[in-house]
Amino acid sequence: MATDAEQACFEAGIKFGSLYHQFAGTPVSPRSIESLERAMEEAIENQPYCVSVSVDIHEERVAAAIDHENGYTELTGSLMDVEMRIEYEERVVRTRMEMEGGYPLMRIVSVE
């Protein structure tokens, strides 16, 4: 049987997997960043135990990734930072995804 802390961490992993693999490849442009951030946050917040999600898609990274005349690129982990708060029973798990060494690393920041 998993502890509450272990279950909360598992739930955080499920949320990250869902967020990343549901939205990776979505067309994004500087004009659509804000609406995409909100859509991602609201979609993941629908899941059980997810209290809050903050998605920050970096406009300068998006602009730099656009390499054709159509004015958009595909969303990847390198274009965004994400923070989540998961609450399971008495446990709170805070997580973050950010670039580290050229890779969008997802990690547990704290378990309370």
PDB file of N, CA and C in Angstrom:
ATOM      1  N   MET A   1       0.833  -1.170   0.000  1.00  0.00           N
ATOM      2  CA  MET A   1       0.000   0.000   0.000  1.00  0.00           C
ATOM      3  C   MET A   1       0.891   1.251   0.000  1.00  0.00           C
ATOM      4  N   ALA A   2       0.601   2.189  -0.866  1.00  0.00           N
ATOM      5  CA  ALA A   2       1.374   3.425  -0.957  1.00  0.00           C
ATOM      6  C   ALA A   2       1.014   4.367   0.190  1.00  0.00           C
ATOM      7  N   THR A   3       1.998   5.115   0.636  1.00  0.00           N
ATOM      8  CA  THR A   3       1.735   6.145   1.634  1.00  0.00           C
ATOM      9  C   THR A   3       1.017   7.314   0.948  1.00  0.00           C
ATOM     10  N   ASP A   4       0.452   8.214   1.739  1.00  0.00           N
ATOM     11  CA  ASP A   4      -0.190   9.392   1.165  1.00  0.00           C
ATOM     12  C   ASP A   4       0.809  10.228   0.377  1.00  0.00           C
ATOM     13  N   ALA A   5       2.021  10.362   0.880  1.00  0.00           N
ATOM     14  CA  ALA A   5       3.050  11.127   0.168  1.00  0.00           C
ATOM     15  C   ALA A   5       3.398  10.474  -1.170  1.00  0.00           C
ATOM     16  N   GLU A   6       3.535   9.159  -1.174  1.00  0.00           N
ATOM     17  CA  GLU A   6       3.834   8.445  -2.415  1.00  0.00           C
ATOM     18  C   GLU A   6       2.685   8.584  -3.412  1.00  0.00           C
ATOM     19  N   GLN A   7       1.459   8.476  -2.933  1.00  0.00           N
ATOM     20  CA  GLN A   7       0.304   8.617  -3.814  1.00  0.00           C
ATOM     21  C   GLN A   7       0.221  10.032  -4.378  1.00  0.00           C
ATOM     22  N   ALA A   8       0.511  11.036  -3.555  1.00  0.00           N
ATOM     23  CA  ALA A   8       0.505  12.418  -4.025  1.00  0.00           C
ATOM     24  C   ALA A   8       1.562  12.630  -5.105  1.00  0.00           C
ATOM     25  N   CYS A   9       2.738  12.046  -4.935  1.00  0.00           N
ATOM     26  CA  CYS A   9       3.797  12.140  -5.940  1.00  0.00           C
ATOM     27  C   CYS A   9       3.390  11.423  -7.228  1.00  0.00           C
ATOM     28  N   PHE A  10       2.761  10.269  -7.094  1.00  0.00           N
ATOM     29  CA  PHE A  10       2.260   9.545  -8.263  1.00  0.00           C
ATOM     30  C   PHE A  10       1.257  10.405  -9.023  1.00  0.00           C
ATOM     31  N   GLU A  11       0.333  11.027  -8.297  1.00  0.00           N
ATOM     32  CA  GLU A  11      -0.664  11.899  -8.926  1.00  0.00           C
ATOM     33  C   GLU A  11       0.006  13.044  -9.674  1.00  0.00           C
ATOM     34  N   ALA A  12       1.057  13.612  -9.093  1.00  0.00           N
ATOM     35  CA  ALA A  12       1.792  14.684  -9.768  1.00  0.00           C
ATOM     36  C   ALA A  12       2.384  14.188 -11.084  1.00  0.00           C
ATOM     37  N   GLY A  13       2.942  12.987 -11.075  1.00  0.00           N
ATOM     38  CA  GLY A  13       3.501  12.420 -12.298  1.00  0.00           C
ATOM     39  C   GLY A  13       2.455  12.208 -13.375  1.00  0.00           C
ATOM     40  N   ILE A  14       1.281  11.755 -12.965  1.00  0.00           N
ATOM     41  CA  ILE A  14       0.177  11.568 -13.917  1.00  0.00           C
ATOM     42  C   ILE A  14      -0.190  12.903 -14.557  1.00  0.00           C
ATOM     43  N   LYS A  15      -0.259  13.950 -13.745  1.00  0.00           N
ATOM     44  CA  LYS A  15      -0.630  15.267 -14.264  1.00  0.00           C
ATOM     45  C   LYS A  15       0.409  15.781 -15.255  1.00  0.00           C
ATOM     46  N   PHE A  16       1.694  15.603 -14.938  1.00  0.00           N
ATOM     47  CA  PHE A  16       2.739  16.045 -15.859  1.00  0.00           C
ATOM     48  C   PHE A  16       2.696  15.254 -17.163  1.00  0.00           C
ATOM     49  N   GLY A  17       2.520  13.946 -17.060  1.00  0.00           N
ATOM     50  CA  GLY A  17       2.438  13.135 -18.279  1.00  0.00           C
ATOM     51  C   GLY A  17       1.281  13.569 -19.148  1.00  0.00           C
ATOM     52  N   SER A  18       0.157  13.825 -18.533  1.00  0.00           N
ATOM     53  CA  SER A  18      -1.022  14.266 -19.265  1.00  0.00           C
ATOM     54  C   SER A  18      -0.778  15.619 -19.919  1.00  0.00           C
ATOM     55  N   LEU A  19      -0.259  16.558 -19.158  1.00  0.00           N
ATOM     56  CA  LEU A  19      -0.016  17.902 -19.684  1.00  0.00           C
ATOM     57  C   LEU A  19       0.957  17.856 -20.854  1.00  0.00           C
ATOM     58  N   TYR A  20       2.074  17.205 -20.651  1.00  0.00           N
ATOM     59  CA  TYR A  20       3.115  17.221 -21.672  1.00  0.00           C
ATOM     60  C   TYR A  20       2.668  16.511 -22.945  1.00  0.00           C
ATOM     61  N   HIS A  21       2.139  15.320 -22.795  1.00  0.00           N
ATOM     62  CA  HIS A  21       1.836  14.528 -23.986  1.00  0.00           C
ATOM     63  C   HIS A  21       0.524  14.916 -24.649  1.00  0.00           C
ATOM     64  N   GLN A  22      -0.338  15.578 -23.925  1.00  0.00           N
ATOM     65  CA  GLN A  22      -1.569  16.077 -24.544  1.00  0.00           C
ATOM     66  C   GLN A  22      -1.292  17.315 -25.388  1.00  0.00           C
ATOM     67  N   PHE A  23      -0.381  18.169 -24.933  1.00  0.00           N
ATOM     68  CA  PHE A  23      -0.194  19.456 -25.591  1.00  0.00           C
ATOM     69  C   PHE A  23       1.077  19.567 -26.431  1.00  0.00           C
ATOM     70  N   ALA A  24       2.031  18.680 -26.283  1.00  0.00           N
ATOM     71  CA  ALA A  24       3.234  18.732 -27.125  1.00  0.00           C
ATOM     72  C   ALA A  24       2.819  18.631 -28.588  1.00  0.00           C
ATOM     73  N   GLY A  25       3.349  19.501 -29.392  1.00  0.00           N
ATOM     74  CA  GLY A  25       3.022  19.518 -30.818  1.00  0.00           C
ATOM     75  C   GLY A  25       1.912  20.485 -31.180  1.00  0.00           C
ATOM     76  N   THR A  26       1.267  21.085 -30.184  1.00  0.00           N
ATOM     77  CA  THR A  26       0.207  22.058 -30.454  1.00  0.00           C
ATOM     78  C   THR A  26       0.808  23.277 -31.146  1.00  0.00           C
ATOM     79  N   PRO A  27       0.203  23.751 -32.229  1.00  0.00           N
ATOM     80  CA  PRO A  27       0.706  24.966 -32.857  1.00  0.00           C
ATOM     81  C   PRO A  27       0.598  26.146 -31.884  1.00  0.00           C
ATOM     82  N   VAL A  28       1.671  26.935 -31.786  1.00  0.00           N
ATOM     83  CA  VAL A  28       1.682  28.093 -30.896  1.00  0.00           C
ATOM     84  C   VAL A  28       2.415  29.247 -31.577  1.00  0.00           C
ATOM     85  N   SER A  29       1.876  30.435 -31.384  1.00  0.00           N
ATOM     86  CA  SER A  29       2.495  31.658 -31.888  1.00  0.00           C
ATOM     87  C   SER A  29       2.482  32.665 -30.750  1.00  0.00           C
ATOM     88  N   PRO A  30       3.243  33.741 -30.876  1.00  0.00           N
ATOM     89  CA  PRO A  30       3.187  34.751 -29.816  1.00  0.00           C
ATOM     90  C   PRO A  30       1.758  35.228 -29.536  1.00  0.00           C
ATOM     91  N   ARG A  31       0.930  35.264 -30.557  1.00  0.00           N
ATOM     92  CA  ARG A  31      -0.449  35.725 -30.414  1.00  0.00           C
ATOM     93  C   ARG A  31      -1.332  34.742 -29.639  1.00  0.00           C
ATOM     94  N   SER A  32      -1.006  33.462 -29.670  1.00  0.00           N
ATOM     95  CA  SER A  32      -1.866  32.449 -29.041  1.00  0.00           C
ATOM     96  C   SER A  32      -1.349  31.948 -27.689  1.00  0.00           C
ATOM     97  N   ILE A  33      -0.247  32.492 -27.217  1.00  0.00           N
ATOM     98  CA  ILE A  33       0.374  31.991 -25.986  1.00  0.00           C
ATOM     99  C   ILE A  33      -0.578  32.040 -24.803  1.00  0.00           C
ATOM    100  N   GLU A  34      -1.182  33.197 -24.557  1.00  0.00           N
ATOM    101  CA  GLU A  34      -2.009  33.362 -23.363  1.00  0.00           C
ATOM    102  C   GLU A  34      -3.190  32.393 -23.342  1.00  0.00           C
ATOM    103  N   SER A  35      -3.867  32.230 -24.463  1.00  0.00           N
ATOM    104  CA  SER A  35      -5.022  31.325 -24.487  1.00  0.00           C
ATOM    105  C   SER A  35      -4.587  29.866 -24.331  1.00  0.00           C
ATOM    106  N   LEU A  36      -3.429  29.512 -24.884  1.00  0.00           N
ATOM    107  CA  LEU A  36      -2.932  28.149 -24.734  1.00  0.00           C
ATOM    108  C   LEU A  36      -2.522  27.878 -23.289  1.00  0.00           C
ATOM    109  N   GLU A  37      -1.868  28.844 -22.647  1.00  0.00           N
ATOM    110  CA  GLU A  37      -1.523  28.687 -21.229  1.00  0.00           C
ATOM    111  C   GLU A  37      -2.775  28.409 -20.403  1.00  0.00           C
ATOM    112  N   ARG A  38      -3.820  29.207 -20.599  1.00  0.00           N
ATOM    113  CA  ARG A  38      -5.063  29.035 -19.827  1.00  0.00           C
ATOM    114  C   ARG A  38      -5.714  27.681 -20.119  1.00  0.00           C
ATOM    115  N   ALA A  39      -5.723  27.282 -21.378  1.00  0.00           N
ATOM    116  CA  ALA A  39      -6.335  25.997 -21.743  1.00  0.00           C
ATOM    117  C   ALA A  39      -5.604  24.840 -21.071  1.00  0.00           C
ATOM    118  N   MET A  40      -4.288  24.898 -21.061  1.00  0.00           N
ATOM    119  CA  MET A  40      -3.491  23.845 -20.436  1.00  0.00           C
ATOM    120  C   MET A  40      -3.757  23.797 -18.932  1.00  0.00           C
ATOM    121  N   GLU A  41      -3.746  24.957 -18.300  1.00  0.00           N
ATOM    122  CA  GLU A  41      -3.984  25.018 -16.862  1.00  0.00           C
ATOM    123  C   GLU A  41      -5.359  24.467 -16.503  1.00  0.00           C
ATOM    124  N   GLU A  42      -6.369  24.928 -17.217  1.00  0.00           N
ATOM    125  CA  GLU A  42      -7.736  24.496 -16.906  1.00  0.00           C
ATOM    126  C   GLU A  42      -7.940  23.008 -17.174  1.00  0.00           C
ATOM    127  N   ALA A  43      -7.338  22.492 -18.220  1.00  0.00           N
ATOM    128  CA  ALA A  43      -7.484  21.064 -18.529  1.00  0.00           C
ATOM    129  C   ALA A  43      -6.889  20.201 -17.424  1.00  0.00           C
ATOM    130  N   ILE A  44      -5.701  20.539 -16.957  1.00  0.00           N
ATOM    131  CA  ILE A  44      -5.050  19.720 -15.944  1.00  0.00           C
ATOM    132  C   ILE A  44      -5.702  19.918 -14.578  1.00  0.00           C
ATOM    133  N   GLU A  45      -6.164  21.127 -14.282  1.00  0.00           N
ATOM    134  CA  GLU A  45      -6.845  21.376 -13.005  1.00  0.00           C
ATOM    135  C   GLU A  45      -8.141  20.583 -12.869  1.00  0.00           C
ATOM    136  N   ASN A  46      -8.687  20.092 -13.961  1.00  0.00           N
ATOM    137  CA  ASN A  46      -9.887  19.241 -13.911  1.00  0.00           C
ATOM    138  C   ASN A  46      -9.606  17.891 -13.265  1.00  0.00           C
ATOM    139  N   GLN A  47      -8.370  17.468 -13.257  1.00  0.00           N
ATOM    140  CA  GLN A  47      -8.022  16.144 -12.764  1.00  0.00           C
ATOM    141  C   GLN A  47      -8.065  16.094 -11.236  1.00  0.00           C
ATOM    142  N   PRO A  48      -8.386  14.925 -10.690  1.00  0.00           N
ATOM    143  CA  PRO A  48      -8.454  14.783  -9.230  1.00  0.00           C
ATOM    144  C   PRO A  48      -7.149  15.177  -8.547  1.00  0.00           C
ATOM    145  N   TYR A  49      -7.282  15.804  -7.401  1.00  0.00           N
ATOM    146  CA  TYR A  49      -6.174  16.168  -6.503  1.00  0.00           C
ATOM    147  C   TYR A  49      -5.325  17.331  -7.009  1.00  0.00           C
ATOM    148  N   CYS A  50      -5.594  17.845  -8.181  1.00  0.00           N
ATOM    149  CA  CYS A  50      -4.820  18.962  -8.717  1.00  0.00           C
ATOM    150  C   CYS A  50      -5.456  20.263  -8.243  1.00  0.00           C
ATOM    151  N   VAL A  51      -4.732  21.003  -7.436  1.00  0.00           N
ATOM    152  CA  VAL A  51      -5.244  22.236  -6.856  1.00  0.00           C
ATOM    153  C   VAL A  51      -4.933  23.434  -7.745  1.00  0.00           C
ATOM    154  N   SER A  52      -3.717  23.475  -8.292  1.00  0.00           N
ATOM    155  CA  SER A  52      -3.370  24.596  -9.160  1.00  0.00           C
ATOM    156  C   SER A  52      -2.274  24.195 -10.147  1.00  0.00           C
ATOM    157  N   VAL A  53      -2.331  24.856 -11.299  1.00  0.00           N
ATOM    158  CA  VAL A  53      -1.337  24.669 -12.356  1.00  0.00           C
ATOM    159  C   VAL A  53      -0.993  26.048 -12.902  1.00  0.00           C
ATOM    160  N   SER A  54       0.282  26.288 -13.093  1.00  0.00           N
ATOM    161  CA  SER A  54       0.738  27.540 -13.699  1.00  0.00           C
ATOM    162  C   SER A  54       1.621  27.189 -14.890  1.00  0.00           C
ATOM    163  N   VAL A  55       1.193  27.601 -16.074  1.00  0.00           N
ATOM    164  CA  VAL A  55       1.957  27.360 -17.299  1.00  0.00           C
ATOM    165  C   VAL A  55       2.471  28.702 -17.800  1.00  0.00           C
ATOM    166  N   ASP A  56       3.758  28.781 -18.031  1.00  0.00           N
ATOM    167  CA  ASP A  56       4.389  29.996 -18.545  1.00  0.00           C
ATOM    168  C   ASP A  56       5.092  29.638 -19.850  1.00  0.00           C
ATOM    169  N   ILE A  57       4.461  29.975 -20.973  1.00  0.00           N
ATOM    170  CA  ILE A  57       5.065  29.772 -22.287  1.00  0.00           C
ATOM    171  C   ILE A  57       5.825  31.057 -22.609  1.00  0.00           C
ATOM    172  N   HIS A  58       7.110  30.930 -22.834  1.00  0.00           N
ATOM    173  CA  HIS A  58       7.980  32.094 -23.004  1.00  0.00           C
ATOM    174  C   HIS A  58       7.899  32.634 -24.430  1.00  0.00           C
ATOM    175  N   GLU A  59       7.405  33.855 -24.538  1.00  0.00           N
ATOM    176  CA  GLU A  59       7.199  34.470 -25.854  1.00  0.00           C
ATOM    177  C   GLU A  59       8.491  34.559 -26.659  1.00  0.00           C
ATOM    178  N   GLU A  60       9.591  34.911 -25.997  1.00  0.00           N
ATOM    179  CA  GLU A  60      10.850  35.046 -26.735  1.00  0.00           C
ATOM    180  C   GLU A  60      11.335  33.698 -27.267  1.00  0.00           C
ATOM    181  N   ARG A  61      11.083  32.619 -26.534  1.00  0.00           N
ATOM    182  CA  ARG A  61      11.463  31.282 -27.002  1.00  0.00           C
ATOM    183  C   ARG A  61      10.589  30.857 -28.180  1.00  0.00           C
ATOM    184  N   VAL A  62       9.294  31.172 -28.088  1.00  0.00           N
ATOM    185  CA  VAL A  62       8.379  30.842 -29.193  1.00  0.00           C
ATOM    186  C   VAL A  62       8.809  31.591 -30.446  1.00  0.00           C
ATOM    187  N   ALA A  63       9.024  32.890 -30.314  1.00  0.00           N
ATOM    188  CA  ALA A  63       9.425  33.702 -31.469  1.00  0.00           C
ATOM    189  C   ALA A  63      10.708  33.171 -32.094  1.00  0.00           C
ATOM    190  N   ALA A  64      11.669  32.777 -31.274  1.00  0.00           N
ATOM    191  CA  ALA A  64      12.933  32.256 -31.785  1.00  0.00           C
ATOM    192  C   ALA A  64      12.767  30.900 -32.472  1.00  0.00           C
ATOM    193  N   ALA A  65      11.761  30.135 -32.076  1.00  0.00           N
ATOM    194  CA  ALA A  65      11.551  28.798 -32.646  1.00  0.00           C
ATOM    195  C   ALA A  65      10.784  28.820 -33.966  1.00  0.00           C
ATOM    196  N   ILE A  66      10.178  29.936 -34.302  1.00  0.00           N
ATOM    197  CA  ILE A  66       9.427  30.036 -35.563  1.00  0.00           C
ATOM    198  C   ILE A  66      10.425  30.147 -36.702  1.00  0.00           C
ATOM    199  N   ASP A  67      10.411  29.141 -37.577  1.00  0.00           N
ATOM    200  CA  ASP A  67      11.406  29.128 -38.648  1.00  0.00           C
ATOM    201  C   ASP A  67      10.772  29.041 -40.043  1.00  0.00           C
ATOM    202  N   HIS A  68       9.532  29.493 -40.169  1.00  0.00           N
ATOM    203  CA  HIS A  68       8.890  29.523 -41.480  1.00  0.00           C
ATOM    204  C   HIS A  68       7.898  30.673 -41.536  1.00  0.00           C
ATOM    205  N   GLU A  69       7.371  30.923 -42.702  1.00  0.00           N
ATOM    206  CA  GLU A  69       6.520  32.099 -42.916  1.00  0.00           C
ATOM    207  C   GLU A  69       5.109  31.971 -42.338  1.00  0.00           C
ATOM    208  N   ASN A  70       4.750  30.820 -41.815  1.00  0.00           N
ATOM    209  CA  ASN A  70       3.394  30.640 -41.304  1.00  0.00           C
ATOM    210  C   ASN A  70       3.186  31.263 -39.925  1.00  0.00           C
ATOM    211  N   GLY A  71       4.243  31.660 -39.239  1.00  0.00           N
ATOM    212  CA  GLY A  71       4.123  32.421 -38.009  1.00  0.00           C
ATOM    213  C   GLY A  71       3.835  31.630 -36.747  1.00  0.00           C
ATOM    214  N   TYR A  72       4.091  30.331 -36.758  1.00  0.00           N
ATOM    215  CA  TYR A  72       3.892  29.533 -35.548  1.00  0.00           C
ATOM    216  C   TYR A  72       4.949  28.449 -35.473  1.00  0.00           C
ATOM    217  N   THR A  73       5.029  27.825 -34.314  1.00  0.00           N
ATOM    218  CA  THR A  73       5.894  26.666 -34.123  1.00  0.00           C
ATOM    219  C   THR A  73       5.104  25.631 -33.331  1.00  0.00           C
ATOM    220  N   GLU A  74       5.682  24.487 -33.098  1.00  0.00           N
ATOM    221  CA  GLU A  74       5.035  23.457 -32.297  1.00  0.00           C
ATOM    222  C   GLU A  74       5.488  23.578 -30.859  1.00  0.00           C
ATOM    223  N   LEU A  75       4.554  23.452 -29.925  1.00  0.00           N
ATOM    224  CA  LEU A  75       4.868  23.538 -28.509  1.00  0.00           C
ATOM    225  C   LEU A  75       5.745  22.362 -28.077  1.00  0.00           C
ATOM    226  N   THR A  76       6.825  22.688 -27.384  1.00  0.00           N
ATOM    227  CA  THR A  76       7.699  21.676 -26.785  1.00  0.00           C
ATOM    228  C   THR A  76       8.010  22.113 -25.353  1.00  0.00           C
ATOM    229  N   GLY A  77       8.571  21.218 -24.599  1.00  0.00           N
ATOM    230  CA  GLY A  77       8.942  21.528 -23.228  1.00  0.00           C
ATOM    231  C   GLY A  77       9.957  22.645 -23.129  1.00  0.00           C
ATOM    232  N   SER A  78      10.750  22.838 -24.162  1.00  0.00           N
ATOM    233  CA  SER A  78      11.769  23.894 -24.126  1.00  0.00           C
ATOM    234  C   SER A  78      11.167  25.292 -24.195  1.00  0.00           C
ATOM    235  N   LEU A  79       9.894  25.396 -24.515  1.00  0.00           N
ATOM    236  CA  LEU A  79       9.247  26.701 -24.656  1.00  0.00           C
ATOM    237  C   LEU A  79       8.494  27.137 -23.406  1.00  0.00           C
ATOM    238  N   MET A  80       8.434  26.272 -22.388  1.00  0.00           N
ATOM    239  CA  MET A  80       7.574  26.603 -21.244  1.00  0.00           C
ATOM    240  C   MET A  80       8.155  26.132 -19.920  1.00  0.00           C
ATOM    241  N   ASP A  81       7.658  26.752 -18.859  1.00  0.00           N
ATOM    242  CA  ASP A  81       7.884  26.316 -17.489  1.00  0.00           C
ATOM    243  C   ASP A  81       6.508  26.042 -16.896  1.00  0.00           C
ATOM    244  N   VAL A  82       6.428  25.037 -16.043  1.00  0.00           N
ATOM    245  CA  VAL A  82       5.149  24.642 -15.445  1.00  0.00           C
ATOM    246  C   VAL A  82       5.353  24.393 -13.957  1.00  0.00           C
ATOM    247  N   GLU A  83       4.397  24.837 -13.157  1.00  0.00           N
ATOM    248  CA  GLU A  83       4.377  24.513 -11.733  1.00  0.00           C
ATOM    249  C   GLU A  83       3.002  23.952 -11.400  1.00  0.00           C
ATOM    250  N   MET A  84       2.977  22.961 -10.496  1.00  0.00           N
ATOM    251  CA  MET A  84       1.715  22.348 -10.069  1.00  0.00           C
ATOM    252  C   MET A  84       1.709  22.160  -8.566  1.00  0.00           C
ATOM    253  N   ARG A  85       0.506  22.194  -8.028  1.00  0.00           N
ATOM    254  CA  ARG A  85       0.283  21.877  -6.612  1.00  0.00           C
ATOM    255  C   ARG A  85      -0.759  20.768  -6.570  1.00  0.00           C
ATOM    256  N   ILE A  86      -0.372  19.655  -5.973  1.00  0.00           N
ATOM    257  CA  ILE A  86      -1.223  18.482  -5.844  1.00  0.00           C
ATOM    258  C   ILE A  86      -1.489  18.268  -4.358  1.00  0.00           C
ATOM    259  N   GLU A  87      -2.737  18.007  -4.006  1.00  0.00           N
ATOM    260  CA  GLU A  87      -3.085  17.707  -2.611  1.00  0.00           C
ATOM    261  C   GLU A  87      -3.794  16.363  -2.569  1.00  0.00           C
ATOM    262  N   TYR A  88      -3.211  15.465  -1.809  1.00  0.00           N
ATOM    263  CA  TYR A  88      -3.796  14.140  -1.610  1.00  0.00           C
ATOM    264  C   TYR A  88      -3.853  13.884  -0.118  1.00  0.00           C
ATOM    265  N   GLU A  89      -5.061  13.698   0.396  1.00  0.00           N
ATOM    266  CA  GLU A  89      -5.270  13.548   1.835  1.00  0.00           C
ATOM    267  C   GLU A  89      -4.599  14.714   2.558  1.00  0.00           C
ATOM    268  N   GLU A  90      -3.663  14.467   3.424  1.00  0.00           N
ATOM    269  CA  GLU A  90      -2.999  15.530   4.188  1.00  0.00           C
ATOM    270  C   GLU A  90      -1.693  15.999   3.545  1.00  0.00           C
ATOM    271  N   ARG A  91      -1.365  15.472   2.383  1.00  0.00           N
ATOM    272  CA  ARG A  91      -0.078  15.777   1.740  1.00  0.00           C
ATOM    273  C   ARG A  91      -0.239  16.795   0.614  1.00  0.00           C
ATOM    274  N   VAL A  92       0.751  17.673   0.514  1.00  0.00           N
ATOM    275  CA  VAL A  92       0.818  18.654  -0.562  1.00  0.00           C
ATOM    276  C   VAL A  92       2.132  18.430  -1.305  1.00  0.00           C
ATOM    277  N   VAL A  93       2.039  18.262  -2.610  1.00  0.00           N
ATOM    278  CA  VAL A  93       3.226  18.090  -3.447  1.00  0.00           C
ATOM    279  C   VAL A  93       3.305  19.280  -4.395  1.00  0.00           C
ATOM    280  N   ARG A  94       4.463  19.911  -4.416  1.00  0.00           N
ATOM    281  CA  ARG A  94       4.731  21.009  -5.341  1.00  0.00           C
ATOM    282  C   ARG A  94       5.732  20.500  -6.371  1.00  0.00           C
ATOM    283  N   THR A  95       5.429  20.772  -7.630  1.00  0.00           N
ATOM    284  CA  THR A  95       6.264  20.274  -8.718  1.00  0.00           C
ATOM    285  C   THR A  95       6.625  21.411  -9.661  1.00  0.00           C
ATOM    286  N   ARG A  96       7.623  21.146 -10.484  1.00  0.00           N
ATOM    287  CA  ARG A  96       8.059  22.144 -11.461  1.00  0.00           C
ATOM    288  C   ARG A  96       8.644  21.433 -12.667  1.00  0.00           C
ATOM    289  N   MET A  97       8.393  22.001 -13.835  1.00  0.00           N
ATOM    290  CA  MET A  97       9.079  21.587 -15.053  1.00  0.00           C
ATOM    291  C   MET A  97       9.757  22.826 -15.604  1.00  0.00           C
ATOM    292  N   GLU A  98      11.065  22.710 -15.807  1.00  0.00           N
ATOM    293  CA  GLU A  98      11.830  23.810 -16.380  1.00  0.00           C
ATOM    294  C   GLU A  98      13.042  23.231 -17.092  1.00  0.00           C
ATOM    295  N   MET A  99      13.626  24.035 -17.944  1.00  0.00           N
ATOM    296  CA  MET A  99      14.787  23.585 -18.702  1.00  0.00           C
ATOM    297  C   MET A  99      15.990  23.426 -17.789  1.00  0.00           C
ATOM    298  N   GLU A 100      16.654  22.307 -17.946  1.00  0.00           N
ATOM    299  CA  GLU A 100      17.904  22.060 -17.233  1.00  0.00           C
ATOM    300  C   GLU A 100      18.810  21.258 -18.153  1.00  0.00           C
ATOM    301  N   GLY A 101      19.939  21.826 -18.487  1.00  0.00           N
ATOM    302  CA  GLY A 101      20.873  21.143 -19.377  1.00  0.00           C
ATOM    303  C   GLY A 101      20.291  20.824 -20.738  1.00  0.00           C
ATOM    304  N   GLY A 102      19.427  21.708 -21.245  1.00  0.00           N
ATOM    305  CA  GLY A 102      18.826  21.501 -22.560  1.00  0.00           C
ATOM    306  C   GLY A 102      17.663  20.532 -22.573  1.00  0.00           C
ATOM    307  N   TYR A 103      17.162  20.157 -21.407  1.00  0.00           N
ATOM    308  CA  TYR A 103      16.076  19.176 -21.311  1.00  0.00           C
ATOM    309  C   TYR A 103      14.974  19.725 -20.394  1.00  0.00           C
ATOM    310  N   PRO A 104      13.698  19.551 -20.763  1.00  0.00           N
ATOM    311  CA  PRO A 104      12.610  19.998 -19.887  1.00  0.00           C
ATOM    312  C   PRO A 104      12.419  19.004 -18.737  1.00  0.00           C
ATOM    313  N   LEU A 105      13.066  19.279 -17.618  1.00  0.00           N
ATOM    314  CA  LEU A 105      13.073  18.364 -16.485  1.00  0.00           C
ATOM    315  C   LEU A 105      11.860  18.591 -15.597  1.00  0.00           C
ATOM    316  N   MET A 106      11.147  17.519 -15.292  1.00  0.00           N
ATOM    317  CA  MET A 106       9.999  17.555 -14.386  1.00  0.00           C
ATOM    318  C   MET A 106      10.460  17.016 -13.045  1.00  0.00           C
ATOM    319  N   ARG A 107      10.174  17.770 -11.980  1.00  0.00           N
ATOM    320  CA  ARG A 107      10.677  17.335 -10.677  1.00  0.00           C
ATOM    321  C   ARG A 107       9.706  17.691  -9.561  1.00  0.00           C
ATOM    322  N   ILE A 108       9.877  16.970  -8.469  1.00  0.00           N
ATOM    323  CA  ILE A 108       9.165  17.287  -7.235  1.00  0.00           C
ATOM    324  C   ILE A 108       9.998  18.328  -6.502  1.00  0.00           C
ATOM    325  N   VAL A 109       9.387  19.441  -6.168  1.00  0.00           N
ATOM    326  CA  VAL A 109      10.070  20.511  -5.445  1.00  0.00           C
ATOM    327  C   VAL A 109       9.968  20.276  -3.951  1.00  0.00           C
ATOM    328  N   SER A 110       8.771  19.878  -3.496  1.00  0.00           N
ATOM    329  CA  SER A 110       8.607  19.615  -2.062  1.00  0.00           C
ATOM    330  C   SER A 110       7.406  18.712  -1.829  1.00  0.00           C
ATOM    331  N   VAL A 111       7.466  18.010  -0.718  1.00  0.00           N
ATOM    332  CA  VAL A 111       6.356  17.200  -0.230  1.00  0.00           C
ATOM    333  C   VAL A 111       6.119  17.640   1.206  1.00  0.00           C
ATOM    334  N   GLU A 112       4.944  18.121   1.466  1.00  0.00           N
ATOM    335  CA  GLU A 112       4.614  18.638   2.805  1.00  0.00           C
ATOM    336  C   GLU A 112       3.562  17.751   3.457  1.00  0.00           C
TER     337      GLU A 112
END
